[in-house]
Amino acid sequence: ECQKPKRAKDAAYHREKMLLCKQEEAGIQLNAKQADWKDDTDDESDDQELEAHYMYMAKLQQVSLGDVDSGPIFDTEPEQK
């Protein structure tokens, strides 16, 4: 039996998995390649942990762009003694 080499579970892997899960939840049909990849990765034993991770990552991505240029929240000049 020939098996495909396992893909590294880096940030890109988790981002792709999260996006595919979101698409599927939204009722968007995945193409055959996406569905196969998602099915191949669904044999994870820690699905609840992964789901929590994906939800956490999604919340991190919801940062407002208006907050980017707001500057530091601490004093920019050190106090003189």
PDB file of N, CA and C in Angstrom:
ATOM      1  N   GLU A   1       0.846  -1.175   0.000  1.00  0.00           N
ATOM      2  CA  GLU A   1       0.000   0.000   0.000  1.00  0.00           C
ATOM      3  C   GLU A   1       0.892   1.240   0.000  1.00  0.00           C
ATOM      4  N   CYS A   2       0.665   2.112  -0.941  1.00  0.00           N
ATOM      5  CA  CYS A   2       1.472   3.317  -1.100  1.00  0.00           C
ATOM      6  C   CYS A   2       0.789   4.490  -0.392  1.00  0.00           C
ATOM      7  N   GLN A   3       1.513   5.125   0.483  1.00  0.00           N
ATOM      8  CA  GLN A   3       0.937   6.259   1.202  1.00  0.00           C
ATOM      9  C   GLN A   3       1.652   7.539   0.797  1.00  0.00           C
ATOM     10  N   LYS A   4       0.878   8.634   0.774  1.00  0.00           N
ATOM     11  CA  LYS A   4       1.457   9.935   0.481  1.00  0.00           C
ATOM     12  C   LYS A   4       2.268  10.391   1.687  1.00  0.00           C
ATOM     13  N   PRO A   5       3.369  11.119   1.440  1.00  0.00           N
ATOM     14  CA  PRO A   5       4.109  11.646   2.587  1.00  0.00           C
ATOM     15  C   PRO A   5       3.245  12.633   3.364  1.00  0.00           C
ATOM     16  N   LYS A   6       3.403  12.632   4.673  1.00  0.00           N
ATOM     17  CA  LYS A   6       2.596  13.525   5.508  1.00  0.00           C
ATOM     18  C   LYS A   6       3.082  14.957   5.348  1.00  0.00           C
ATOM     19  N   ARG A   7       2.125  15.866   5.315  1.00  0.00           N
ATOM     20  CA  ARG A   7       2.431  17.283   5.199  1.00  0.00           C
ATOM     21  C   ARG A   7       2.734  17.835   6.588  1.00  0.00           C
ATOM     22  N   ALA A   8       3.695  18.734   6.648  1.00  0.00           N
ATOM     23  CA  ALA A   8       4.027  19.376   7.924  1.00  0.00           C
ATOM     24  C   ALA A   8       2.835  20.178   8.420  1.00  0.00           C
ATOM     25  N   LYS A   9       2.574  20.105   9.689  1.00  0.00           N
ATOM     26  CA  LYS A   9       1.429  20.815  10.271  1.00  0.00           C
ATOM     27  C   LYS A   9       1.886  22.186  10.762  1.00  0.00           C
ATOM     28  N   ASP A  10       2.222  23.027   9.798  1.00  0.00           N
ATOM     29  CA  ASP A  10       2.665  24.377  10.107  1.00  0.00           C
ATOM     30  C   ASP A  10       1.496  25.352  10.016  1.00  0.00           C
ATOM     31  N   ALA A  11       1.799  26.633  10.067  1.00  0.00           N
ATOM     32  CA  ALA A  11       0.745  27.659  10.040  1.00  0.00           C
ATOM     33  C   ALA A  11      -0.070  27.583   8.755  1.00  0.00           C
ATOM     34  N   ALA A  12       0.581  27.337   7.621  1.00  0.00           N
ATOM     35  CA  ALA A  12      -0.137  27.257   6.342  1.00  0.00           C
ATOM     36  C   ALA A  12      -1.107  26.075   6.338  1.00  0.00           C
ATOM     37  N   TYR A  13      -0.693  24.954   6.898  1.00  0.00           N
ATOM     38  CA  TYR A  13      -1.551  23.771   6.997  1.00  0.00           C
ATOM     39  C   TYR A  13      -2.804  24.095   7.798  1.00  0.00           C
ATOM     40  N   HIS A  14      -2.622  24.705   8.964  1.00  0.00           N
ATOM     41  CA  HIS A  14      -3.761  25.015   9.832  1.00  0.00           C
ATOM     42  C   HIS A  14      -4.653  26.087   9.215  1.00  0.00           C
ATOM     43  N   ARG A  15      -4.055  27.062   8.529  1.00  0.00           N
ATOM     44  CA  ARG A  15      -4.843  28.106   7.873  1.00  0.00           C
ATOM     45  C   ARG A  15      -5.726  27.492   6.789  1.00  0.00           C
ATOM     46  N   GLU A  16      -5.144  26.607   5.973  1.00  0.00           N
ATOM     47  CA  GLU A  16      -5.910  25.965   4.901  1.00  0.00           C
ATOM     48  C   GLU A  16      -7.026  25.095   5.474  1.00  0.00           C
ATOM     49  N   LYS A  17      -6.704  24.346   6.511  1.00  0.00           N
ATOM     50  CA  LYS A  17      -7.711  23.483   7.143  1.00  0.00           C
ATOM     51  C   LYS A  17      -8.856  24.325   7.710  1.00  0.00           C
ATOM     52  N   MET A  18      -8.522  25.440   8.362  1.00  0.00           N
ATOM     53  CA  MET A  18      -9.536  26.313   8.944  1.00  0.00           C
ATOM     54  C   MET A  18     -10.428  26.901   7.851  1.00  0.00           C
ATOM     55  N   LEU A  19      -9.828  27.352   6.756  1.00  0.00           N
ATOM     56  CA  LEU A  19     -10.613  27.939   5.669  1.00  0.00           C
ATOM     57  C   LEU A  19     -11.544  26.909   5.035  1.00  0.00           C
ATOM     58  N   LEU A  20     -11.067  25.687   4.854  1.00  0.00           N
ATOM     59  CA  LEU A  20     -11.914  24.637   4.284  1.00  0.00           C
ATOM     60  C   LEU A  20     -13.072  24.306   5.222  1.00  0.00           C
ATOM     61  N   CYS A  21     -12.799  24.264   6.517  1.00  0.00           N
ATOM     62  CA  CYS A  21     -13.873  23.995   7.488  1.00  0.00           C
ATOM     63  C   CYS A  21     -14.907  25.109   7.470  1.00  0.00           C
ATOM     64  N   LYS A  22     -14.442  26.362   7.390  1.00  0.00           N
ATOM     65  CA  LYS A  22     -15.368  27.500   7.339  1.00  0.00           C
ATOM     66  C   LYS A  22     -16.219  27.449   6.075  1.00  0.00           C
ATOM     67  N   GLN A  23     -15.593  27.116   4.937  1.00  0.00           N
ATOM     68  CA  GLN A  23     -16.337  27.024   3.676  1.00  0.00           C
ATOM     69  C   GLN A  23     -17.405  25.948   3.771  1.00  0.00           C
ATOM     70  N   GLU A  24     -17.030  24.814   4.318  1.00  0.00           N
ATOM     71  CA  GLU A  24     -17.970  23.705   4.437  1.00  0.00           C
ATOM     72  C   GLU A  24     -19.131  24.071   5.368  1.00  0.00           C
ATOM     73  N   GLU A  25     -18.824  24.748   6.479  1.00  0.00           N
ATOM     74  CA  GLU A  25     -19.872  25.173   7.408  1.00  0.00           C
ATOM     75  C   GLU A  25     -20.810  26.190   6.760  1.00  0.00           C
ATOM     76  N   ALA A  26     -20.287  27.014   5.848  1.00  0.00           N
ATOM     77  CA  ALA A  26     -21.094  28.031   5.173  1.00  0.00           C
ATOM     78  C   ALA A  26     -21.912  27.436   4.029  1.00  0.00           C
ATOM     79  N   GLY A  27     -21.762  26.148   3.784  1.00  0.00           N
ATOM     80  CA  GLY A  27     -22.533  25.489   2.733  1.00  0.00           C
ATOM     81  C   GLY A  27     -21.899  25.571   1.361  1.00  0.00           C
ATOM     82  N   ILE A  28     -20.644  26.027   1.305  1.00  0.00           N
ATOM     83  CA  ILE A  28     -19.931  26.098   0.030  1.00  0.00           C
ATOM     84  C   ILE A  28     -19.348  24.722  -0.258  1.00  0.00           C
ATOM     85  N   GLN A  29     -19.651  24.199  -1.443  1.00  0.00           N
ATOM     86  CA  GLN A  29     -19.175  22.864  -1.791  1.00  0.00           C
ATOM     87  C   GLN A  29     -17.692  22.926  -2.147  1.00  0.00           C
ATOM     88  N   LEU A  30     -16.914  22.035  -1.560  1.00  0.00           N
ATOM     89  CA  LEU A  30     -15.485  21.968  -1.831  1.00  0.00           C
ATOM     90  C   LEU A  30     -15.253  21.219  -3.134  1.00  0.00           C
ATOM     91  N   ASN A  31     -14.179  21.589  -3.856  1.00  0.00           N
ATOM     92  CA  ASN A  31     -13.856  20.821  -5.056  1.00  0.00           C
ATOM     93  C   ASN A  31     -13.248  19.482  -4.631  1.00  0.00           C
ATOM     94  N   ALA A  32     -13.066  18.586  -5.571  1.00  0.00           N
ATOM     95  CA  ALA A  32     -12.630  17.219  -5.258  1.00  0.00           C
ATOM     96  C   ALA A  32     -11.284  17.202  -4.539  1.00  0.00           C
ATOM     97  N   LYS A  33     -10.349  18.029  -4.991  1.00  0.00           N
ATOM     98  CA  LYS A  33      -9.018  18.050  -4.379  1.00  0.00           C
ATOM     99  C   LYS A  33      -9.102  18.546  -2.931  1.00  0.00           C
ATOM    100  N   GLN A  34      -9.887  19.606  -2.704  1.00  0.00           N
ATOM    101  CA  GLN A  34     -10.053  20.137  -1.352  1.00  0.00           C
ATOM    102  C   GLN A  34     -10.741  19.118  -0.447  1.00  0.00           C
ATOM    103  N   ALA A  35     -11.787  18.492  -0.952  1.00  0.00           N
ATOM    104  CA  ALA A  35     -12.527  17.510  -0.161  1.00  0.00           C
ATOM    105  C   ALA A  35     -11.637  16.317   0.191  1.00  0.00           C
ATOM    106  N   ASP A  36     -10.835  15.859  -0.783  1.00  0.00           N
ATOM    107  CA  ASP A  36      -9.923  14.740  -0.524  1.00  0.00           C
ATOM    108  C   ASP A  36      -8.904  15.111   0.549  1.00  0.00           C
ATOM    109  N   TRP A  37      -8.336  16.320   0.438  1.00  0.00           N
ATOM    110  CA  TRP A  37      -7.338  16.750   1.419  1.00  0.00           C
ATOM    111  C   TRP A  37      -7.962  16.843   2.806  1.00  0.00           C
ATOM    112  N   LYS A  38      -9.158  17.426   2.877  1.00  0.00           N
ATOM    113  CA  LYS A  38      -9.842  17.564   4.167  1.00  0.00           C
ATOM    114  C   LYS A  38     -10.161  16.185   4.746  1.00  0.00           C
ATOM    115  N   ASP A  39     -10.625  15.265   3.896  1.00  0.00           N
ATOM    116  CA  ASP A  39     -10.925  13.905   4.359  1.00  0.00           C
ATOM    117  C   ASP A  39      -9.662  13.201   4.850  1.00  0.00           C
ATOM    118  N   ASP A  40      -8.544  13.420   4.145  1.00  0.00           N
ATOM    119  CA  ASP A  40      -7.282  12.800   4.544  1.00  0.00           C
ATOM    120  C   ASP A  40      -6.800  13.325   5.890  1.00  0.00           C
ATOM    121  N   THR A  41      -7.115  14.571   6.196  1.00  0.00           N
ATOM    122  CA  THR A  41      -6.651  15.157   7.455  1.00  0.00           C
ATOM    123  C   THR A  41      -7.670  14.999   8.568  1.00  0.00           C
ATOM    124  N   ASP A  42      -8.840  14.460   8.271  1.00  0.00           N
ATOM    125  CA  ASP A  42      -9.877  14.301   9.288  1.00  0.00           C
ATOM    126  C   ASP A  42      -9.648  13.109  10.206  1.00  0.00           C
ATOM    127  N   ASP A  43      -8.584  12.367   9.990  1.00  0.00           N
ATOM    128  CA  ASP A  43      -8.321  11.229  10.867  1.00  0.00           C
ATOM    129  C   ASP A  43      -7.557  11.660  12.119  1.00  0.00           C
ATOM    130  N   GLU A  44      -7.585  12.940  12.408  1.00  0.00           N
ATOM    131  CA  GLU A  44      -6.934  13.472  13.602  1.00  0.00           C
ATOM    132  C   GLU A  44      -7.655  12.937  14.841  1.00  0.00           C
ATOM    133  N   SER A  45      -6.904  12.516  15.824  1.00  0.00           N
ATOM    134  CA  SER A  45      -7.522  12.009  17.044  1.00  0.00           C
ATOM    135  C   SER A  45      -7.935  13.136  17.983  1.00  0.00           C
ATOM    136  N   ASP A  46      -7.384  14.314  17.758  1.00  0.00           N
ATOM    137  CA  ASP A  46      -7.668  15.429  18.654  1.00  0.00           C
ATOM    138  C   ASP A  46      -8.486  16.510  17.946  1.00  0.00           C
ATOM    139  N   ASP A  47      -9.608  16.115  17.341  1.00  0.00           N
ATOM    140  CA  ASP A  47     -10.441  17.055  16.594  1.00  0.00           C
ATOM    141  C   ASP A  47     -10.945  18.205  17.456  1.00  0.00           C
ATOM    142  N   GLN A  48     -11.295  17.953  18.703  1.00  0.00           N
ATOM    143  CA  GLN A  48     -11.794  19.024  19.565  1.00  0.00           C
ATOM    144  C   GLN A  48     -10.706  20.056  19.838  1.00  0.00           C
ATOM    145  N   GLU A  49      -9.499  19.588  20.041  1.00  0.00           N
ATOM    146  CA  GLU A  49      -8.386  20.506  20.276  1.00  0.00           C
ATOM    147  C   GLU A  49      -8.121  21.342  19.026  1.00  0.00           C
ATOM    148  N   LEU A  50      -8.162  20.707  17.865  1.00  0.00           N
ATOM    149  CA  LEU A  50      -7.956  21.439  16.618  1.00  0.00           C
ATOM    150  C   LEU A  50      -9.064  22.456  16.383  1.00  0.00           C
ATOM    151  N   GLU A  51     -10.293  22.071  16.658  1.00  0.00           N
ATOM    152  CA  GLU A  51     -11.409  22.995  16.476  1.00  0.00           C
ATOM    153  C   GLU A  51     -11.232  24.219  17.368  1.00  0.00           C
ATOM    154  N   ALA A  52     -10.807  24.002  18.598  1.00  0.00           N
ATOM    155  CA  ALA A  52     -10.559  25.124  19.504  1.00  0.00           C
ATOM    156  C   ALA A  52      -9.442  26.005  18.959  1.00  0.00           C
ATOM    157  N   HIS A  53      -8.406  25.377  18.404  1.00  0.00           N
ATOM    158  CA  HIS A  53      -7.292  26.130  17.824  1.00  0.00           C
ATOM    159  C   HIS A  53      -7.762  26.970  16.638  1.00  0.00           C
ATOM    160  N   TYR A  54      -8.563  26.381  15.753  1.00  0.00           N
ATOM    161  CA  TYR A  54      -9.051  27.100  14.578  1.00  0.00           C
ATOM    162  C   TYR A  54      -9.943  28.268  14.989  1.00  0.00           C
ATOM    163  N   MET A  55     -10.769  28.058  15.996  1.00  0.00           N
ATOM    164  CA  MET A  55     -11.637  29.135  16.465  1.00  0.00           C
ATOM    165  C   MET A  55     -10.797  30.262  17.062  1.00  0.00           C
ATOM    166  N   TYR A  56      -9.751  29.906  17.785  1.00  0.00           N
ATOM    167  CA  TYR A  56      -8.845  30.895  18.364  1.00  0.00           C
ATOM    168  C   TYR A  56      -8.155  31.687  17.254  1.00  0.00           C
ATOM    169  N   MET A  57      -7.661  30.970  16.233  1.00  0.00           N
ATOM    170  CA  MET A  57      -6.989  31.636  15.118  1.00  0.00           C
ATOM    171  C   MET A  57      -7.953  32.559  14.380  1.00  0.00           C
ATOM    172  N   ALA A  58      -9.190  32.150  14.219  1.00  0.00           N
ATOM    173  CA  ALA A  58     -10.183  32.984  13.537  1.00  0.00           C
ATOM    174  C   ALA A  58     -10.425  34.260  14.332  1.00  0.00           C
ATOM    175  N   LYS A  59     -10.470  34.157  15.647  1.00  0.00           N
ATOM    176  CA  LYS A  59     -10.662  35.348  16.480  1.00  0.00           C
ATOM    177  C   LYS A  59      -9.464  36.280  16.376  1.00  0.00           C
ATOM    178  N   LEU A  60      -8.260  35.723  16.292  1.00  0.00           N
ATOM    179  CA  LEU A  60      -7.068  36.552  16.141  1.00  0.00           C
ATOM    180  C   LEU A  60      -7.091  37.319  14.824  1.00  0.00           C
ATOM    181  N   GLN A  61      -7.661  36.723  13.788  1.00  0.00           N
ATOM    182  CA  GLN A  61      -7.691  37.354  12.473  1.00  0.00           C
ATOM    183  C   GLN A  61      -8.742  38.446  12.382  1.00  0.00           C
ATOM    184  N   GLN A  62      -9.589  38.603  13.380  1.00  0.00           N
ATOM    185  CA  GLN A  62     -10.648  39.598  13.344  1.00  0.00           C
ATOM    186  C   GLN A  62     -10.191  40.945  13.894  1.00  0.00           C
ATOM    187  N   VAL A  63      -8.903  41.215  13.862  1.00  0.00           N
ATOM    188  CA  VAL A  63      -8.369  42.484  14.351  1.00  0.00           C
ATOM    189  C   VAL A  63      -8.742  43.587  13.374  1.00  0.00           C
ATOM    190  N   SER A  64      -9.183  44.702  13.896  1.00  0.00           N
ATOM    191  CA  SER A  64      -9.579  45.839  13.067  1.00  0.00           C
ATOM    192  C   SER A  64      -8.347  46.490  12.452  1.00  0.00           C
ATOM    193  N   LEU A  65      -8.425  46.839  11.167  1.00  0.00           N
ATOM    194  CA  LEU A  65      -7.310  47.502  10.505  1.00  0.00           C
ATOM    195  C   LEU A  65      -7.111  48.911  11.046  1.00  0.00           C
ATOM    196  N   GLY A  66      -8.128  49.526  11.592  1.00  0.00           N
ATOM    197  CA  GLY A  66      -8.006  50.853  12.166  1.00  0.00           C
ATOM    198  C   GLY A  66      -7.104  50.877  13.387  1.00  0.00           C
ATOM    199  N   ASP A  67      -6.932  49.746  14.022  1.00  0.00           N
ATOM    200  CA  ASP A  67      -6.099  49.660  15.219  1.00  0.00           C
ATOM    201  C   ASP A  67      -4.617  49.536  14.894  1.00  0.00           C
ATOM    202  N   VAL A  68      -4.274  49.310  13.632  1.00  0.00           N
ATOM    203  CA  VAL A  68      -2.885  49.071  13.255  1.00  0.00           C
ATOM    204  C   VAL A  68      -2.023  50.299  13.522  1.00  0.00           C
ATOM    205  N   ASP A  69      -2.504  51.483  13.188  1.00  0.00           N
ATOM    206  CA  ASP A  69      -1.710  52.697  13.319  1.00  0.00           C
ATOM    207  C   ASP A  69      -1.978  53.453  14.617  1.00  0.00           C
ATOM    208  N   SER A  70      -2.575  52.817  15.581  1.00  0.00           N
ATOM    209  CA  SER A  70      -2.921  53.520  16.812  1.00  0.00           C
ATOM    210  C   SER A  70      -1.709  53.778  17.693  1.00  0.00           C
ATOM    211  N   GLY A  71      -0.587  53.153  17.403  1.00  0.00           N
ATOM    212  CA  GLY A  71       0.622  53.381  18.179  1.00  0.00           C
ATOM    213  C   GLY A  71       0.655  52.551  19.441  1.00  0.00           C
ATOM    214  N   PRO A  72       1.756  52.662  20.166  1.00  0.00           N
ATOM    215  CA  PRO A  72       1.896  51.863  21.386  1.00  0.00           C
ATOM    216  C   PRO A  72       0.970  52.359  22.488  1.00  0.00           C
ATOM    217  N   ILE A  73       0.655  51.468  23.392  1.00  0.00           N
ATOM    218  CA  ILE A  73      -0.225  51.840  24.497  1.00  0.00           C
ATOM    219  C   ILE A  73       0.581  52.277  25.717  1.00  0.00           C
ATOM    220  N   PHE A  74       1.889  52.294  25.596  1.00  0.00           N
ATOM    221  CA  PHE A  74       2.754  52.720  26.684  1.00  0.00           C
ATOM    222  C   PHE A  74       3.404  54.045  26.305  1.00  0.00           C
ATOM    223  N   ASP A  75       4.029  54.695  27.265  1.00  0.00           N
ATOM    224  CA  ASP A  75       4.713  55.960  26.990  1.00  0.00           C
ATOM    225  C   ASP A  75       5.847  55.720  26.009  1.00  0.00           C
ATOM    226  N   THR A  76       5.955  56.603  25.010  1.00  0.00           N
ATOM    227  CA  THR A  76       7.007  56.429  24.016  1.00  0.00           C
ATOM    228  C   THR A  76       8.337  56.963  24.515  1.00  0.00           C
ATOM    229  N   GLU A  77       8.313  57.931  25.418  1.00  0.00           N
ATOM    230  CA  GLU A  77       9.539  58.494  25.979  1.00  0.00           C
ATOM    231  C   GLU A  77       9.729  57.967  27.395  1.00  0.00           C
ATOM    232  N   PRO A  78      10.922  57.466  27.710  1.00  0.00           N
ATOM    233  CA  PRO A  78      11.150  57.004  29.082  1.00  0.00           C
ATOM    234  C   PRO A  78      11.151  58.192  30.043  1.00  0.00           C
ATOM    235  N   GLU A  79      10.723  57.956  31.246  1.00  0.00           N
ATOM    236  CA  GLU A  79      10.704  59.011  32.256  1.00  0.00           C
ATOM    237  C   GLU A  79      12.122  59.329  32.688  1.00  0.00           C
ATOM    238  N   GLN A  80      12.392  60.608  32.902  1.00  0.00           N
ATOM    239  CA  GLN A  80      13.707  61.044  33.379  1.00  0.00           C
ATOM    240  C   GLN A  80      13.743  60.947  34.899  1.00  0.00           C
ATOM    241  N   LYS A  81      14.849  60.471  35.435  1.00  0.00           N
ATOM    242  CA  LYS A  81      14.977  60.348  36.896  1.00  0.00           C
ATOM    243  C   LYS A  81      15.566  61.591  37.488  1.00  0.00           C
TER     244      LYS A  81
END
